[in-house]
Amino acid sequence: MGKSSMGTVDEAKALVDKAVALIQESGQEKAFAAFNDTTGDFVNKDLYIFVVDMNGTIVAHGATADLIGKDMMGFQDEVGKHPIKDMTEMAKTQSDGWVDYKWPHPLTKSIGDKSTYFHKVGDLLVCCGVYK
C-alpha cells in the first residue's frame, strides 16, 4: 500500500474541522448520517470520521457501522491503552488533542499504530485517526 493511499495528520485535522462545521450548521442527525456514509465526503483514503460521546459511546463511525451505539470506554488495545477513556479524560480539560493506540487499518485490516485527533463539540468528540 503506497503512501498516497494514507491520510496525513493535516488531512485528518482538516476532516475533523469540516465535520465539526457540519454538526454546527446542520445538527447532529444530519451530520452523523454524512459521517456514517462510507462513500461520502467524510471518508478520504484511509481517513474516516467517528464521533464518541463523553460516556465513551460511539455515536457515528465512518468505517465500522457495527460500532455505533457501543460503549467503548473500557476498550483496551493490545498494548493496554484505553484510547476512548484517554480522549474523554483529555477533553475534560482541553478542546482538542491527539491520542496514540493500536487499531485495525480499515483497508488492510492489520493492526497498526494509529494517532487520532479529537475536537470537542458540546459533549461530543469528533475524531479522525492517522495510521503510521
N, C-alpha and C. Protein backbone atom coordinates (compact mmCIF):
# COMPACT_ATOMS: atom_id res chain seq x y z
N MET A 1 0.84 -1.18 0.00
CA MET A 1 0.00 0.00 0.00
C MET A 1 0.88 1.24 0.00
N GLY A 2 0.74 2.08 -0.99
CA GLY A 2 1.58 3.26 -1.13
C GLY A 2 1.16 4.35 -0.17
N LYS A 3 2.06 5.27 0.03
CA LYS A 3 1.80 6.41 0.91
C LYS A 3 0.61 7.23 0.43
N SER A 4 0.37 7.25 -0.89
CA SER A 4 -0.70 8.10 -1.43
C SER A 4 -2.08 7.66 -0.95
N SER A 5 -2.20 6.39 -0.52
CA SER A 5 -3.49 5.93 -0.02
C SER A 5 -3.65 6.17 1.48
N MET A 6 -2.62 6.76 2.09
CA MET A 6 -2.67 7.01 3.52
C MET A 6 -2.87 8.50 3.80
N GLY A 7 -3.81 8.81 4.66
CA GLY A 7 -4.08 10.19 5.01
C GLY A 7 -2.98 10.76 5.89
N THR A 8 -2.83 12.06 5.85
CA THR A 8 -1.82 12.74 6.65
C THR A 8 -2.45 13.36 7.90
N VAL A 9 -1.60 13.79 8.81
CA VAL A 9 -2.04 14.49 10.02
C VAL A 9 -2.87 15.72 9.65
N ASP A 10 -2.37 16.49 8.68
CA ASP A 10 -3.09 17.71 8.27
C ASP A 10 -4.45 17.37 7.66
N GLU A 11 -4.50 16.29 6.86
CA GLU A 11 -5.78 15.89 6.25
C GLU A 11 -6.77 15.43 7.31
N ALA A 12 -6.28 14.72 8.32
CA ALA A 12 -7.15 14.25 9.41
C ALA A 12 -7.74 15.44 10.16
N LYS A 13 -6.88 16.40 10.46
CA LYS A 13 -7.33 17.59 11.20
C LYS A 13 -8.36 18.38 10.37
N ALA A 14 -8.08 18.50 9.08
CA ALA A 14 -9.00 19.22 8.18
C ALA A 14 -10.35 18.52 8.10
N LEU A 15 -10.34 17.18 8.08
CA LEU A 15 -11.59 16.41 8.02
C LEU A 15 -12.40 16.61 9.30
N VAL A 16 -11.71 16.64 10.44
CA VAL A 16 -12.39 16.90 11.71
C VAL A 16 -12.99 18.31 11.72
N ASP A 17 -12.22 19.29 11.26
CA ASP A 17 -12.73 20.67 11.21
C ASP A 17 -13.99 20.75 10.35
N LYS A 18 -13.96 20.05 9.20
CA LYS A 18 -15.11 20.03 8.29
C LYS A 18 -16.32 19.35 8.96
N ALA A 19 -16.05 18.28 9.72
CA ALA A 19 -17.11 17.55 10.42
C ALA A 19 -17.73 18.40 11.53
N VAL A 20 -16.87 19.09 12.27
CA VAL A 20 -17.35 19.98 13.35
C VAL A 20 -18.25 21.06 12.75
N ALA A 21 -17.82 21.63 11.64
CA ALA A 21 -18.61 22.68 10.97
C ALA A 21 -19.98 22.15 10.56
N LEU A 22 -20.02 20.91 10.05
CA LEU A 22 -21.30 20.33 9.61
C LEU A 22 -22.24 20.12 10.80
N ILE A 23 -21.72 19.65 11.93
CA ILE A 23 -22.55 19.48 13.13
C ILE A 23 -23.13 20.83 13.53
N GLN A 24 -22.29 21.87 13.52
CA GLN A 24 -22.74 23.19 13.93
C GLN A 24 -23.76 23.79 12.96
N GLU A 25 -23.60 23.51 11.67
CA GLU A 25 -24.51 24.06 10.66
C GLU A 25 -25.80 23.27 10.52
N SER A 26 -25.69 21.94 10.51
CA SER A 26 -26.83 21.09 10.12
C SER A 26 -27.40 20.25 11.26
N GLY A 27 -26.74 20.22 12.41
CA GLY A 27 -27.21 19.41 13.53
C GLY A 27 -26.65 18.00 13.49
N GLN A 28 -26.76 17.33 14.64
CA GLN A 28 -26.16 16.01 14.79
C GLN A 28 -26.73 14.96 13.85
N GLU A 29 -28.04 14.91 13.74
CA GLU A 29 -28.68 13.83 12.98
C GLU A 29 -28.18 13.82 11.52
N LYS A 30 -28.23 14.99 10.89
CA LYS A 30 -27.79 15.10 9.50
C LYS A 30 -26.30 14.84 9.37
N ALA A 31 -25.54 15.38 10.30
CA ALA A 31 -24.08 15.21 10.27
C ALA A 31 -23.70 13.75 10.45
N PHE A 32 -24.31 13.07 11.42
CA PHE A 32 -23.97 11.66 11.66
C PHE A 32 -24.27 10.81 10.44
N ALA A 33 -25.37 11.09 9.76
CA ALA A 33 -25.71 10.35 8.54
C ALA A 33 -24.60 10.53 7.50
N ALA A 34 -24.08 11.75 7.39
CA ALA A 34 -22.99 12.02 6.45
C ALA A 34 -21.71 11.30 6.87
N PHE A 35 -21.41 11.29 8.17
CA PHE A 35 -20.19 10.64 8.66
C PHE A 35 -20.26 9.13 8.46
N ASN A 36 -21.46 8.56 8.61
CA ASN A 36 -21.63 7.10 8.52
C ASN A 36 -21.63 6.60 7.08
N ASP A 37 -21.72 7.49 6.11
CA ASP A 37 -21.74 7.13 4.69
C ASP A 37 -20.32 6.79 4.26
N THR A 38 -20.06 5.49 4.05
CA THR A 38 -18.69 5.05 3.76
C THR A 38 -18.19 5.51 2.39
N THR A 39 -19.11 6.00 1.54
CA THR A 39 -18.68 6.53 0.24
C THR A 39 -18.87 8.04 0.17
N GLY A 40 -19.10 8.65 1.32
CA GLY A 40 -19.41 10.08 1.36
C GLY A 40 -18.20 10.98 1.47
N ASP A 41 -18.48 12.24 1.81
CA ASP A 41 -17.46 13.29 1.86
C ASP A 41 -16.55 13.20 3.08
N PHE A 42 -16.88 12.32 4.03
CA PHE A 42 -16.10 12.25 5.27
C PHE A 42 -15.26 10.98 5.35
N VAL A 43 -15.08 10.32 4.21
CA VAL A 43 -14.14 9.21 4.10
C VAL A 43 -13.17 9.58 2.99
N ASN A 44 -11.89 9.63 3.32
CA ASN A 44 -10.86 10.06 2.37
C ASN A 44 -9.63 9.18 2.57
N LYS A 45 -9.24 8.43 1.54
CA LYS A 45 -8.12 7.48 1.65
C LYS A 45 -8.43 6.54 2.81
N ASP A 46 -7.52 6.45 3.80
CA ASP A 46 -7.80 5.60 4.97
C ASP A 46 -8.30 6.42 6.16
N LEU A 47 -8.73 7.65 5.89
CA LEU A 47 -9.28 8.51 6.95
C LEU A 47 -10.80 8.41 6.98
N TYR A 48 -11.35 8.45 8.17
CA TYR A 48 -12.80 8.49 8.33
C TYR A 48 -13.09 9.19 9.66
N ILE A 49 -14.29 9.72 9.76
CA ILE A 49 -14.73 10.39 10.99
C ILE A 49 -15.43 9.38 11.89
N PHE A 50 -15.14 9.46 13.18
CA PHE A 50 -16.01 8.80 14.15
C PHE A 50 -16.28 9.78 15.28
N VAL A 51 -17.44 9.61 15.91
CA VAL A 51 -17.86 10.52 16.96
C VAL A 51 -18.17 9.69 18.20
N VAL A 52 -17.67 10.14 19.33
CA VAL A 52 -17.89 9.46 20.61
C VAL A 52 -18.42 10.49 21.61
N ASP A 53 -19.34 10.06 22.46
CA ASP A 53 -19.82 10.99 23.48
C ASP A 53 -18.93 10.89 24.73
N MET A 54 -19.16 11.75 25.69
CA MET A 54 -18.29 11.80 26.87
C MET A 54 -18.45 10.58 27.78
N ASN A 55 -19.46 9.73 27.50
CA ASN A 55 -19.62 8.47 28.23
C ASN A 55 -18.87 7.33 27.55
N GLY A 56 -18.23 7.63 26.39
CA GLY A 56 -17.47 6.61 25.69
C GLY A 56 -18.26 5.81 24.68
N THR A 57 -19.48 6.26 24.36
CA THR A 57 -20.31 5.55 23.39
C THR A 57 -20.07 6.12 21.99
N ILE A 58 -19.85 5.22 21.04
CA ILE A 58 -19.68 5.62 19.64
C ILE A 58 -21.06 6.00 19.09
N VAL A 59 -21.19 7.22 18.58
CA VAL A 59 -22.49 7.67 18.05
C VAL A 59 -22.48 7.82 16.53
N ALA A 60 -21.29 7.78 15.92
CA ALA A 60 -21.17 7.77 14.46
C ALA A 60 -19.82 7.14 14.13
N HIS A 61 -19.76 6.41 13.01
CA HIS A 61 -18.50 5.77 12.64
C HIS A 61 -18.46 5.54 11.14
N GLY A 62 -17.48 6.15 10.47
CA GLY A 62 -17.39 6.09 9.01
C GLY A 62 -16.74 4.85 8.44
N ALA A 63 -16.31 3.91 9.29
CA ALA A 63 -15.67 2.69 8.78
C ALA A 63 -16.37 1.43 9.25
N THR A 64 -16.87 1.43 10.49
CA THR A 64 -17.42 0.22 11.08
C THR A 64 -18.78 0.53 11.72
N ALA A 65 -19.84 0.34 10.96
CA ALA A 65 -21.18 0.66 11.44
C ALA A 65 -21.54 -0.14 12.69
N ASP A 66 -20.96 -1.35 12.83
CA ASP A 66 -21.26 -2.21 13.99
C ASP A 66 -20.85 -1.56 15.31
N LEU A 67 -19.96 -0.59 15.26
CA LEU A 67 -19.51 0.06 16.50
C LEU A 67 -20.48 1.13 16.99
N ILE A 68 -21.39 1.58 16.13
CA ILE A 68 -22.32 2.65 16.52
C ILE A 68 -23.23 2.15 17.64
N GLY A 69 -23.28 2.92 18.73
CA GLY A 69 -24.09 2.53 19.88
C GLY A 69 -23.32 1.73 20.91
N LYS A 70 -22.08 1.35 20.59
CA LYS A 70 -21.28 0.56 21.53
C LYS A 70 -20.55 1.46 22.52
N ASP A 71 -20.52 0.99 23.77
CA ASP A 71 -19.76 1.67 24.82
C ASP A 71 -18.31 1.21 24.71
N MET A 72 -17.43 2.14 24.35
CA MET A 72 -16.02 1.80 24.15
C MET A 72 -15.13 2.33 25.28
N MET A 73 -15.73 2.83 26.35
CA MET A 73 -14.95 3.41 27.44
C MET A 73 -13.94 2.40 27.98
N GLY A 74 -14.34 1.15 28.07
CA GLY A 74 -13.44 0.13 28.62
C GLY A 74 -12.54 -0.52 27.59
N PHE A 75 -12.67 -0.13 26.33
CA PHE A 75 -11.85 -0.76 25.28
C PHE A 75 -10.37 -0.58 25.57
N GLN A 76 -9.64 -1.69 25.42
CA GLN A 76 -8.20 -1.69 25.63
C GLN A 76 -7.54 -2.29 24.39
N ASP A 77 -6.51 -1.62 23.87
CA ASP A 77 -5.81 -2.17 22.70
C ASP A 77 -4.82 -3.24 23.16
N GLU A 78 -4.09 -3.81 22.21
CA GLU A 78 -3.23 -4.95 22.55
C GLU A 78 -2.02 -4.60 23.42
N VAL A 79 -1.73 -3.30 23.56
CA VAL A 79 -0.63 -2.91 24.45
C VAL A 79 -1.15 -2.26 25.74
N GLY A 80 -2.46 -2.38 25.97
CA GLY A 80 -3.03 -1.94 27.24
C GLY A 80 -3.50 -0.50 27.30
N LYS A 81 -3.52 0.19 26.16
CA LYS A 81 -4.01 1.57 26.16
C LYS A 81 -5.53 1.60 26.07
N HIS A 82 -6.13 2.62 26.66
CA HIS A 82 -7.58 2.82 26.64
C HIS A 82 -7.85 4.13 25.89
N PRO A 83 -7.83 4.09 24.55
CA PRO A 83 -7.88 5.35 23.79
C PRO A 83 -9.14 6.19 24.00
N ILE A 84 -10.30 5.55 24.09
CA ILE A 84 -11.54 6.33 24.25
C ILE A 84 -11.56 6.98 25.64
N LYS A 85 -11.16 6.22 26.64
CA LYS A 85 -11.08 6.76 28.01
C LYS A 85 -10.08 7.91 28.04
N ASP A 86 -8.93 7.72 27.38
CA ASP A 86 -7.90 8.77 27.36
C ASP A 86 -8.44 10.05 26.70
N MET A 87 -9.17 9.88 25.57
CA MET A 87 -9.72 11.04 24.87
C MET A 87 -10.73 11.78 25.74
N THR A 88 -11.64 11.04 26.37
CA THR A 88 -12.67 11.70 27.18
C THR A 88 -12.05 12.38 28.39
N GLU A 89 -11.00 11.78 28.97
CA GLU A 89 -10.31 12.42 30.10
C GLU A 89 -9.64 13.72 29.64
N MET A 90 -8.93 13.68 28.50
CA MET A 90 -8.27 14.87 27.97
C MET A 90 -9.29 15.96 27.66
N ALA A 91 -10.45 15.55 27.14
CA ALA A 91 -11.47 16.51 26.70
C ALA A 91 -12.11 17.25 27.88
N LYS A 92 -11.89 16.76 29.10
CA LYS A 92 -12.42 17.48 30.27
C LYS A 92 -11.64 18.76 30.50
N THR A 93 -10.40 18.83 30.02
CA THR A 93 -9.56 19.99 30.29
C THR A 93 -9.08 20.71 29.03
N GLN A 94 -9.30 20.12 27.86
CA GLN A 94 -8.87 20.77 26.62
C GLN A 94 -9.86 20.49 25.50
N SER A 95 -9.91 21.38 24.51
CA SER A 95 -10.93 21.24 23.47
C SER A 95 -10.52 20.31 22.34
N ASP A 96 -9.21 20.02 22.24
CA ASP A 96 -8.78 19.08 21.22
C ASP A 96 -7.44 18.46 21.61
N GLY A 97 -7.05 17.43 20.88
CA GLY A 97 -5.79 16.76 21.20
C GLY A 97 -5.60 15.51 20.37
N TRP A 98 -4.49 14.82 20.63
CA TRP A 98 -4.12 13.58 19.91
C TRP A 98 -3.94 12.44 20.91
N VAL A 99 -4.38 11.25 20.51
CA VAL A 99 -4.20 10.05 21.32
C VAL A 99 -3.64 8.94 20.42
N ASP A 100 -2.61 8.25 20.91
CA ASP A 100 -1.99 7.15 20.15
C ASP A 100 -2.42 5.80 20.70
N TYR A 101 -2.68 4.84 19.80
CA TYR A 101 -3.07 3.48 20.19
C TYR A 101 -2.96 2.56 18.98
N LYS A 102 -3.30 1.30 19.19
CA LYS A 102 -3.27 0.34 18.09
C LYS A 102 -4.70 0.01 17.67
N TRP A 103 -4.92 -0.07 16.34
CA TRP A 103 -6.27 -0.28 15.80
C TRP A 103 -6.16 -0.90 14.42
N PRO A 104 -7.13 -1.74 14.03
CA PRO A 104 -7.07 -2.33 12.68
C PRO A 104 -7.22 -1.28 11.59
N HIS A 105 -6.36 -1.37 10.58
CA HIS A 105 -6.43 -0.45 9.44
C HIS A 105 -7.69 -0.78 8.64
N PRO A 106 -8.47 0.24 8.20
CA PRO A 106 -9.75 -0.02 7.52
C PRO A 106 -9.59 -0.73 6.18
N LEU A 107 -8.45 -0.58 5.54
CA LEU A 107 -8.25 -1.20 4.23
C LEU A 107 -7.54 -2.53 4.32
N THR A 108 -6.48 -2.62 5.15
CA THR A 108 -5.70 -3.87 5.23
C THR A 108 -6.17 -4.79 6.34
N LYS A 109 -6.90 -4.26 7.31
CA LYS A 109 -7.40 -4.98 8.49
C LYS A 109 -6.28 -5.41 9.44
N SER A 110 -5.03 -5.10 9.13
CA SER A 110 -3.96 -5.46 10.06
C SER A 110 -3.86 -4.40 11.15
N ILE A 111 -3.48 -4.84 12.35
CA ILE A 111 -3.37 -3.92 13.48
C ILE A 111 -2.16 -3.01 13.26
N GLY A 112 -2.39 -1.72 13.37
CA GLY A 112 -1.30 -0.78 13.17
C GLY A 112 -1.32 0.33 14.20
N ASP A 113 -0.27 1.13 14.19
CA ASP A 113 -0.20 2.29 15.08
C ASP A 113 -1.09 3.39 14.52
N LYS A 114 -1.93 3.93 15.37
CA LYS A 114 -2.86 4.97 14.96
C LYS A 114 -2.76 6.14 15.91
N SER A 115 -2.83 7.34 15.36
CA SER A 115 -2.87 8.54 16.17
C SER A 115 -4.15 9.28 15.80
N THR A 116 -5.03 9.47 16.77
CA THR A 116 -6.33 10.08 16.50
C THR A 116 -6.42 11.48 17.07
N TYR A 117 -6.87 12.37 16.21
CA TYR A 117 -7.14 13.76 16.60
C TYR A 117 -8.60 13.87 17.00
N PHE A 118 -8.87 14.54 18.13
CA PHE A 118 -10.25 14.77 18.52
C PHE A 118 -10.48 16.26 18.73
N HIS A 119 -11.72 16.67 18.46
CA HIS A 119 -12.13 18.05 18.72
C HIS A 119 -13.48 17.98 19.43
N LYS A 120 -13.60 18.65 20.55
CA LYS A 120 -14.82 18.59 21.36
C LYS A 120 -15.85 19.58 20.87
N VAL A 121 -17.07 19.09 20.69
CA VAL A 121 -18.22 19.92 20.32
C VAL A 121 -19.33 19.58 21.30
N GLY A 122 -19.61 20.47 22.24
CA GLY A 122 -20.60 20.14 23.27
C GLY A 122 -20.10 18.96 24.07
N ASP A 123 -20.90 17.88 24.13
CA ASP A 123 -20.46 16.68 24.86
C ASP A 123 -20.02 15.58 23.89
N LEU A 124 -19.63 15.98 22.69
CA LEU A 124 -19.19 15.02 21.68
C LEU A 124 -17.73 15.25 21.32
N LEU A 125 -17.04 14.17 21.00
CA LEU A 125 -15.68 14.25 20.47
C LEU A 125 -15.72 13.79 19.02
N VAL A 126 -15.39 14.70 18.12
CA VAL A 126 -15.33 14.38 16.70
C VAL A 126 -13.89 13.98 16.41
N CYS A 127 -13.70 12.78 15.85
CA CYS A 127 -12.37 12.19 15.77
C CYS A 127 -12.03 11.71 14.37
N CYS A 128 -10.73 11.76 14.07
CA CYS A 128 -10.20 11.17 12.85
C CYS A 128 -8.77 10.74 13.14
N GLY A 129 -8.44 9.51 12.77
CA GLY A 129 -7.13 8.97 13.08
C GLY A 129 -6.27 8.76 11.85
N VAL A 130 -4.96 8.87 12.07
CA VAL A 130 -3.96 8.65 11.02
C VAL A 130 -3.20 7.38 11.36
N TYR A 131 -3.00 6.54 10.36
CA TYR A 131 -2.20 5.33 10.55
C TYR A 131 -0.75 5.65 10.22
N LYS A 132 0.15 5.14 11.07
CA LYS A 132 1.57 5.47 10.91
C LYS A 132 2.30 4.41 10.11
